[in-house]
N, C-alpha and C. Protein backbone atom coordinates (compact mmCIF):
# COMPACT_ATOMS: atom_id res chain seq x y z
N MET A 1 96.54 81.66 175.67
CA MET A 1 97.56 82.48 174.71
C MET A 1 97.74 83.71 176.07
N LEU A 2 99.14 83.61 175.65
CA LEU A 2 98.99 84.84 176.40
C LEU A 2 99.00 86.24 176.28
N ASP A 3 98.40 87.39 176.54
CA ASP A 3 98.15 88.85 175.32
C ASP A 3 98.66 89.51 176.32
N LEU A 4 98.92 91.17 175.88
CA LEU A 4 99.26 91.86 176.50
C LEU A 4 99.15 92.21 177.40
N LEU A 5 97.60 91.91 178.21
CA LEU A 5 97.24 92.08 179.96
C LEU A 5 98.27 91.01 180.24
N GLY A 6 97.98 89.90 179.91
CA GLY A 6 98.60 88.54 180.52
C GLY A 6 100.41 89.03 180.38
N ILE A 7 100.48 89.60 180.12
CA ILE A 7 102.19 89.41 180.19
C ILE A 7 101.96 91.36 181.69
N GLY A 8 101.09 92.07 181.01
CA GLY A 8 101.23 93.11 182.22
C GLY A 8 101.10 92.98 183.49
N GLU A 9 100.12 91.60 183.52
CA GLU A 9 99.56 91.35 185.27
C GLU A 9 101.44 89.95 185.56
N ARG A 10 101.82 89.52 184.25
CA ARG A 10 103.02 89.23 185.19
C ARG A 10 104.24 89.92 185.38
N ILE A 11 104.64 91.13 184.51
CA ILE A 11 105.35 92.10 184.90
C ILE A 11 105.20 92.99 186.30
N ALA A 12 103.91 92.76 186.37
CA ALA A 12 103.50 93.96 188.02
C ALA A 12 104.12 92.46 189.19
N VAL A 13 103.83 91.15 188.80
CA VAL A 13 104.44 89.85 190.04
C VAL A 13 105.47 90.79 189.96
N GLU A 14 106.45 90.12 188.99
CA GLU A 14 107.60 90.20 189.02
C GLU A 14 108.36 91.61 189.88
N ARG A 15 107.65 92.53 188.99
CA ARG A 15 108.06 94.00 189.78
C ARG A 15 108.09 94.02 191.14
N LYS A 16 107.41 93.83 191.56
CA LYS A 16 106.83 93.75 193.20
C LYS A 16 107.85 92.56 194.01
N ALA A 17 107.74 91.79 193.41
CA ALA A 17 108.59 90.70 194.02
C ALA A 17 110.45 90.78 193.85
N LEU A 18 110.58 91.77 192.80
CA LEU A 18 111.72 92.46 192.69
C LEU A 18 112.04 93.37 194.13
N GLY A 19 110.93 94.25 194.17
CA GLY A 19 110.91 95.26 195.19
C GLY A 19 110.98 96.34 194.32
N LEU A 20 110.94 96.75 193.62
CA LEU A 20 111.25 97.47 192.67
C LEU A 20 110.07 98.80 192.46
N THR A 21 109.06 100.11 192.64
CA THR A 21 108.38 100.63 192.39
C THR A 21 108.31 100.33 191.09
N GLN A 22 107.35 101.54 190.06
CA GLN A 22 106.74 101.47 188.80
C GLN A 22 108.01 102.38 188.19
N THR A 23 108.42 103.76 188.82
CA THR A 23 108.87 104.51 188.76
C THR A 23 110.50 103.94 188.28
N GLN A 24 110.91 102.93 189.50
CA GLN A 24 111.89 102.75 188.87
C GLN A 24 112.09 101.69 187.89
N LEU A 25 111.36 100.75 187.58
CA LEU A 25 110.99 99.78 186.29
C LEU A 25 111.50 100.80 185.39
N ALA A 26 110.20 101.65 185.23
CA ALA A 26 110.35 103.13 184.42
C ALA A 26 111.59 103.39 183.75
N GLN A 27 112.56 103.89 184.78
CA GLN A 27 113.75 104.54 184.70
C GLN A 27 114.57 103.39 184.14
N ARG A 28 114.90 102.19 184.83
CA ARG A 28 116.26 101.15 184.41
C ARG A 28 115.85 100.97 183.05
N SER A 29 114.32 100.54 182.48
CA SER A 29 114.22 100.30 181.14
C SER A 29 113.34 101.36 179.97
N ARG A 30 114.21 102.51 180.80
CA ARG A 30 113.79 103.67 179.49
C ARG A 30 112.68 103.87 179.32
N THR A 31 111.12 103.65 179.90
CA THR A 31 110.12 103.83 179.36
C THR A 31 109.38 104.83 180.22
N SER A 32 108.30 105.23 179.86
CA SER A 32 107.51 106.11 180.90
C SER A 32 107.13 105.16 182.05
N ARG A 33 106.70 106.05 183.59
CA ARG A 33 105.87 105.11 184.53
C ARG A 33 104.63 105.09 183.77
N ALA A 34 103.93 105.94 183.13
CA ALA A 34 102.98 106.11 182.73
C ALA A 34 102.69 104.86 181.77
N THR A 35 103.51 104.53 180.95
CA THR A 35 103.60 102.94 179.93
C THR A 35 103.78 102.05 181.30
N ILE A 36 104.48 102.21 182.50
CA ILE A 36 104.49 100.73 183.08
C ILE A 36 103.05 100.81 183.58
N THR A 37 102.69 101.50 184.16
CA THR A 37 101.47 101.68 184.70
C THR A 37 99.83 100.90 184.11
N ALA A 38 99.85 101.47 182.85
CA ALA A 38 99.11 101.32 181.80
C ALA A 38 99.15 99.61 181.29
N LEU A 39 100.62 99.58 181.53
CA LEU A 39 100.80 97.97 180.74
C LEU A 39 100.15 96.73 182.26
N GLU A 40 100.60 97.10 183.34
CA GLU A 40 100.60 96.71 184.38
C GLU A 40 98.91 96.41 184.90
N THR A 41 97.81 98.00 184.52
CA THR A 41 96.07 97.26 184.56
C THR A 41 95.73 96.81 183.16
N GLY A 42 96.30 96.91 182.43
CA GLY A 42 95.84 96.60 181.27
C GLY A 42 94.97 97.42 180.48
N ALA A 43 95.38 98.67 180.48
CA ALA A 43 94.78 99.84 179.50
C ALA A 43 96.26 100.37 178.90
N GLN A 44 97.07 99.35 178.35
CA GLN A 44 97.80 99.85 177.48
C GLN A 44 97.10 98.90 176.01
N ARG A 45 96.99 99.25 174.96
CA ARG A 45 96.41 98.74 173.96
C ARG A 45 97.82 97.53 172.91
N GLU A 46 98.69 98.44 172.77
CA GLU A 46 99.69 98.20 172.02
C GLU A 46 101.08 98.82 172.87
N LEU A 47 102.09 98.07 172.62
CA LEU A 47 103.13 98.40 172.64
C LEU A 47 104.17 97.52 172.24
N GLY A 48 105.43 98.45 171.61
CA GLY A 48 106.40 97.97 170.83
C GLY A 48 107.32 96.76 171.40
N PHE A 49 107.48 96.33 170.55
CA PHE A 49 108.64 94.94 170.72
C PHE A 49 110.06 95.44 171.88
N ASN A 50 110.16 96.18 170.84
CA ASN A 50 111.73 96.75 172.20
C ASN A 50 111.34 97.08 173.37
N LYS A 51 110.17 97.78 173.54
CA LYS A 51 109.87 98.25 174.87
C LYS A 51 109.55 97.44 175.67
N ILE A 52 109.13 95.98 175.30
CA ILE A 52 108.94 95.37 175.88
C ILE A 52 109.40 94.48 176.70
N MET A 53 110.99 94.16 175.47
CA MET A 53 112.05 94.12 175.39
C MET A 53 112.96 94.11 176.59
N ALA A 54 113.18 95.25 176.86
CA ALA A 54 113.39 96.63 177.11
C ALA A 54 112.94 96.25 179.19
N ILE A 55 111.78 96.28 179.15
CA ILE A 55 111.00 95.66 180.27
C ILE A 55 111.06 94.45 181.00
N LEU A 56 111.06 93.28 180.46
CA LEU A 56 111.49 92.02 180.54
C LEU A 56 113.04 92.09 180.93
N THR A 57 113.78 92.05 180.42
CA THR A 57 114.93 92.32 180.62
C THR A 57 115.74 92.52 181.98
N VAL A 58 114.99 94.33 182.36
CA VAL A 58 115.17 94.49 183.94
C VAL A 58 114.99 93.46 184.73
N LEU A 59 113.34 93.12 184.37
CA LEU A 59 112.90 91.89 185.18
C LEU A 59 113.71 90.87 185.42
N GLY A 60 114.73 90.71 184.28
CA GLY A 60 115.05 89.15 184.36
C GLY A 60 114.16 88.27 183.67
N LEU A 61 113.12 88.43 182.86
CA LEU A 61 112.09 87.83 182.14
C LEU A 61 112.86 87.99 180.46
N ASP A 62 112.56 86.75 179.65
CA ASP A 62 112.67 86.61 178.20
C ASP A 62 111.28 86.26 177.90
N LEU A 63 111.32 86.42 176.75
CA LEU A 63 109.92 85.95 175.71
C LEU A 63 110.09 84.90 174.66
N ARG A 64 109.38 83.54 174.70
CA ARG A 64 109.65 82.91 173.91
C ARG A 64 108.25 82.15 173.27
N LEU A 65 108.86 81.71 172.23
CA LEU A 65 108.09 81.48 171.19
C LEU A 65 108.00 79.64 170.83
N THR A 66 106.69 79.54 171.26
CA THR A 66 106.44 77.95 171.09
C THR A 66 105.62 77.87 170.33
N ALA A 67 105.29 76.65 170.05
CA ALA A 67 104.20 75.87 168.77
C ALA A 67 103.20 76.15 170.26
N ALA A 68 102.39 76.14 168.64
CA ALA A 68 100.33 76.41 169.43
C ALA A 68 100.25 75.40 170.80
N ASN A 69 99.14 75.51 171.25
CA ASN A 69 99.06 73.99 172.15
C ASN A 69 97.80 74.04 171.63
N ALA A 70 96.90 74.25 170.94
CA ALA A 70 95.52 73.51 170.22
C ALA A 70 94.65 73.18 171.46
N GLY A 71 94.72 74.21 172.47
CA GLY A 71 93.94 74.29 173.10
C GLY A 71 94.18 73.73 174.75
N GLN A 72 95.04 72.72 174.64
CA GLN A 72 95.18 72.02 175.81
C GLN A 72 95.94 73.37 177.07
N GLN A 73 95.47 72.63 178.26
CA GLN A 73 96.03 73.65 179.08
C GLN A 73 97.64 73.40 179.41
N THR A 74 98.46 74.54 179.33
CA THR A 74 99.74 74.82 179.93
C THR A 74 100.50 74.79 181.52
N LEU A 75 101.53 73.99 181.88
CA LEU A 75 101.71 74.33 183.17
C LEU A 75 101.53 76.11 183.69
N GLU A 76 101.47 76.76 183.06
CA GLU A 76 101.31 78.26 183.20
C GLU A 76 99.98 78.44 183.86
N ASP A 77 98.63 77.28 183.11
CA ASP A 77 96.97 77.88 183.19
C ASP A 77 97.01 77.09 184.24
N LEU A 78 97.18 75.88 184.39
CA LEU A 78 97.22 75.19 185.71
C LEU A 78 97.86 75.60 187.11
N GLN A 79 98.90 75.86 186.80
CA GLN A 79 99.25 77.02 187.95
C GLN A 79 98.66 77.89 188.32
N ARG A 80 97.81 78.81 187.16
CA ARG A 80 97.00 80.23 187.77
C ARG A 80 95.76 79.36 188.34
N GLU A 81 95.32 78.34 187.91
CA GLU A 81 93.86 77.75 188.15
C GLU A 81 94.42 77.61 189.51
N ARG A 82 95.62 77.37 190.48
CA ARG A 82 95.81 76.35 191.44
C ARG A 82 95.78 77.38 192.60
N ASP A 83 96.08 78.58 192.26
CA ASP A 83 96.28 79.69 193.23
C ASP A 83 95.42 80.96 193.10
N ARG A 84 94.15 80.00 192.28
CA ARG A 84 93.08 81.17 192.32
C ARG A 84 91.85 80.46 193.85
């Protein structure tokens, strides 16, 4: 299951891949740099849907809802294990 920490980690990876600083991402998504930092480091416990969507949009990502996988590994799970 992807939680806010997982989302934050993915945001950090995508931000860096695009060559954006936290400040640039914050400006483009109309959030604060402190929010971006807290999200990427897992210090952000709650964040509104609109803020998450604004950040993801800047990065060219979206958020999808799917049926729960009943504990089975997803492709993302397998890729993470391979990359370790």
